[in-house]
Amino acid sequence: MCDGSMLVKLMPDSVNSMLTSVTSSFVASITCLNNNALTKLHDIFKFN
């Protein structure tokens, strides 16, 4: 899973704590979009 944890670990603690909620919501949005896209692709391939 690409959750950006490595990028967060490279940041200073102050920046990390400031961006934690933003990063979490961003990752959740991307994960949701990816799951929806995968579901649609799966449906398309089922029909073919």
C-alpha atoms as a PDB file:
ATOM      1  CA  MET A   1       0.000   0.000   0.000  1.00  0.00           C
ATOM      2  CA  CYS A   2       1.237   3.477  -0.861  1.00  0.00           C
ATOM      3  CA  ASP A   3       0.079   5.501   2.129  1.00  0.00           C
ATOM      4  CA  GLY A   4       2.752   8.181   2.132  1.00  0.00           C
ATOM      5  CA  SER A   5       4.120   6.985   5.468  1.00  0.00           C
ATOM      6  CA  MET A   6       7.716   7.139   4.226  1.00  0.00           C
ATOM      7  CA  LEU A   7       7.235  10.750   3.144  1.00  0.00           C
ATOM      8  CA  VAL A   8       5.730  11.646   6.512  1.00  0.00           C
ATOM      9  CA  LYS A   9       8.652  10.009   8.340  1.00  0.00           C
ATOM     10  CA  LEU A  10      11.077  12.297   6.499  1.00  0.00           C
ATOM     11  CA  MET A  11       9.306  15.431   7.786  1.00  0.00           C
ATOM     12  CA  PRO A  12      10.048  17.228  11.084  1.00  0.00           C
ATOM     13  CA  ASP A  13       7.673  16.362  13.923  1.00  0.00           C
ATOM     14  CA  SER A  14       6.022  19.803  13.846  1.00  0.00           C
ATOM     15  CA  VAL A  15       5.238  19.542  10.140  1.00  0.00           C
ATOM     16  CA  ASN A  16       4.266  15.902  10.570  1.00  0.00           C
ATOM     17  CA  SER A  17       1.752  16.668  13.324  1.00  0.00           C
ATOM     18  CA  MET A  18       0.386  19.597  11.302  1.00  0.00           C
ATOM     19  CA  LEU A  19      -0.167  17.505   8.166  1.00  0.00           C
ATOM     20  CA  THR A  20      -1.274  14.235   9.751  1.00  0.00           C
ATOM     21  CA  SER A  21      -5.018  14.871   9.454  1.00  0.00           C
ATOM     22  CA  VAL A  22      -4.689  16.339   5.947  1.00  0.00           C
ATOM     23  CA  THR A  23      -2.571  13.413   4.778  1.00  0.00           C
ATOM     24  CA  SER A  24      -4.962  10.904   6.326  1.00  0.00           C
ATOM     25  CA  SER A  25      -8.009  12.412   4.623  1.00  0.00           C
ATOM     26  CA  PHE A  26      -6.103  12.712   1.329  1.00  0.00           C
ATOM     27  CA  VAL A  27      -5.029   9.062   1.448  1.00  0.00           C
ATOM     28  CA  ALA A  28      -8.567   8.027   2.358  1.00  0.00           C
ATOM     29  CA  SER A  29      -9.934   9.947  -0.640  1.00  0.00           C
ATOM     30  CA  ILE A  30      -7.388   8.423  -3.029  1.00  0.00           C
ATOM     31  CA  THR A  31      -8.078   4.947  -1.650  1.00  0.00           C
ATOM     32  CA  CYS A  32     -11.819   5.449  -2.092  1.00  0.00           C
ATOM     33  CA  LEU A  33     -11.345   6.679  -5.674  1.00  0.00           C
ATOM     34  CA  ASN A  34      -9.039   3.760  -6.477  1.00  0.00           C
ATOM     35  CA  ASN A  35     -11.528   1.261  -5.042  1.00  0.00           C
ATOM     36  CA  ASN A  36     -14.353   2.771  -7.112  1.00  0.00           C
ATOM     37  CA  ALA A  37     -12.223   2.691 -10.272  1.00  0.00           C
ATOM     38  CA  LEU A  38     -11.205  -0.919  -9.644  1.00  0.00           C
ATOM     39  CA  THR A  39     -14.835  -1.887  -9.092  1.00  0.00           C
ATOM     40  CA  LYS A  40     -15.862  -0.262 -12.384  1.00  0.00           C
ATOM     41  CA  LEU A  41     -12.986  -1.941 -14.239  1.00  0.00           C
ATOM     42  CA  HIS A  42     -14.003  -5.277 -12.718  1.00  0.00           C
ATOM     43  CA  ASP A  43     -17.603  -4.743 -13.890  1.00  0.00           C
ATOM     44  CA  ILE A  44     -16.388  -3.847 -17.397  1.00  0.00           C
ATOM     45  CA  PHE A  45     -14.254  -6.972 -17.634  1.00  0.00           C
ATOM     46  CA  LYS A  46     -17.111  -9.123 -16.337  1.00  0.00           C
ATOM     47  CA  PHE A  47     -19.303  -7.928 -19.208  1.00  0.00           C
ATOM     48  CA  ASN A  48     -16.652  -8.658 -21.862  1.00  0.00           C
END
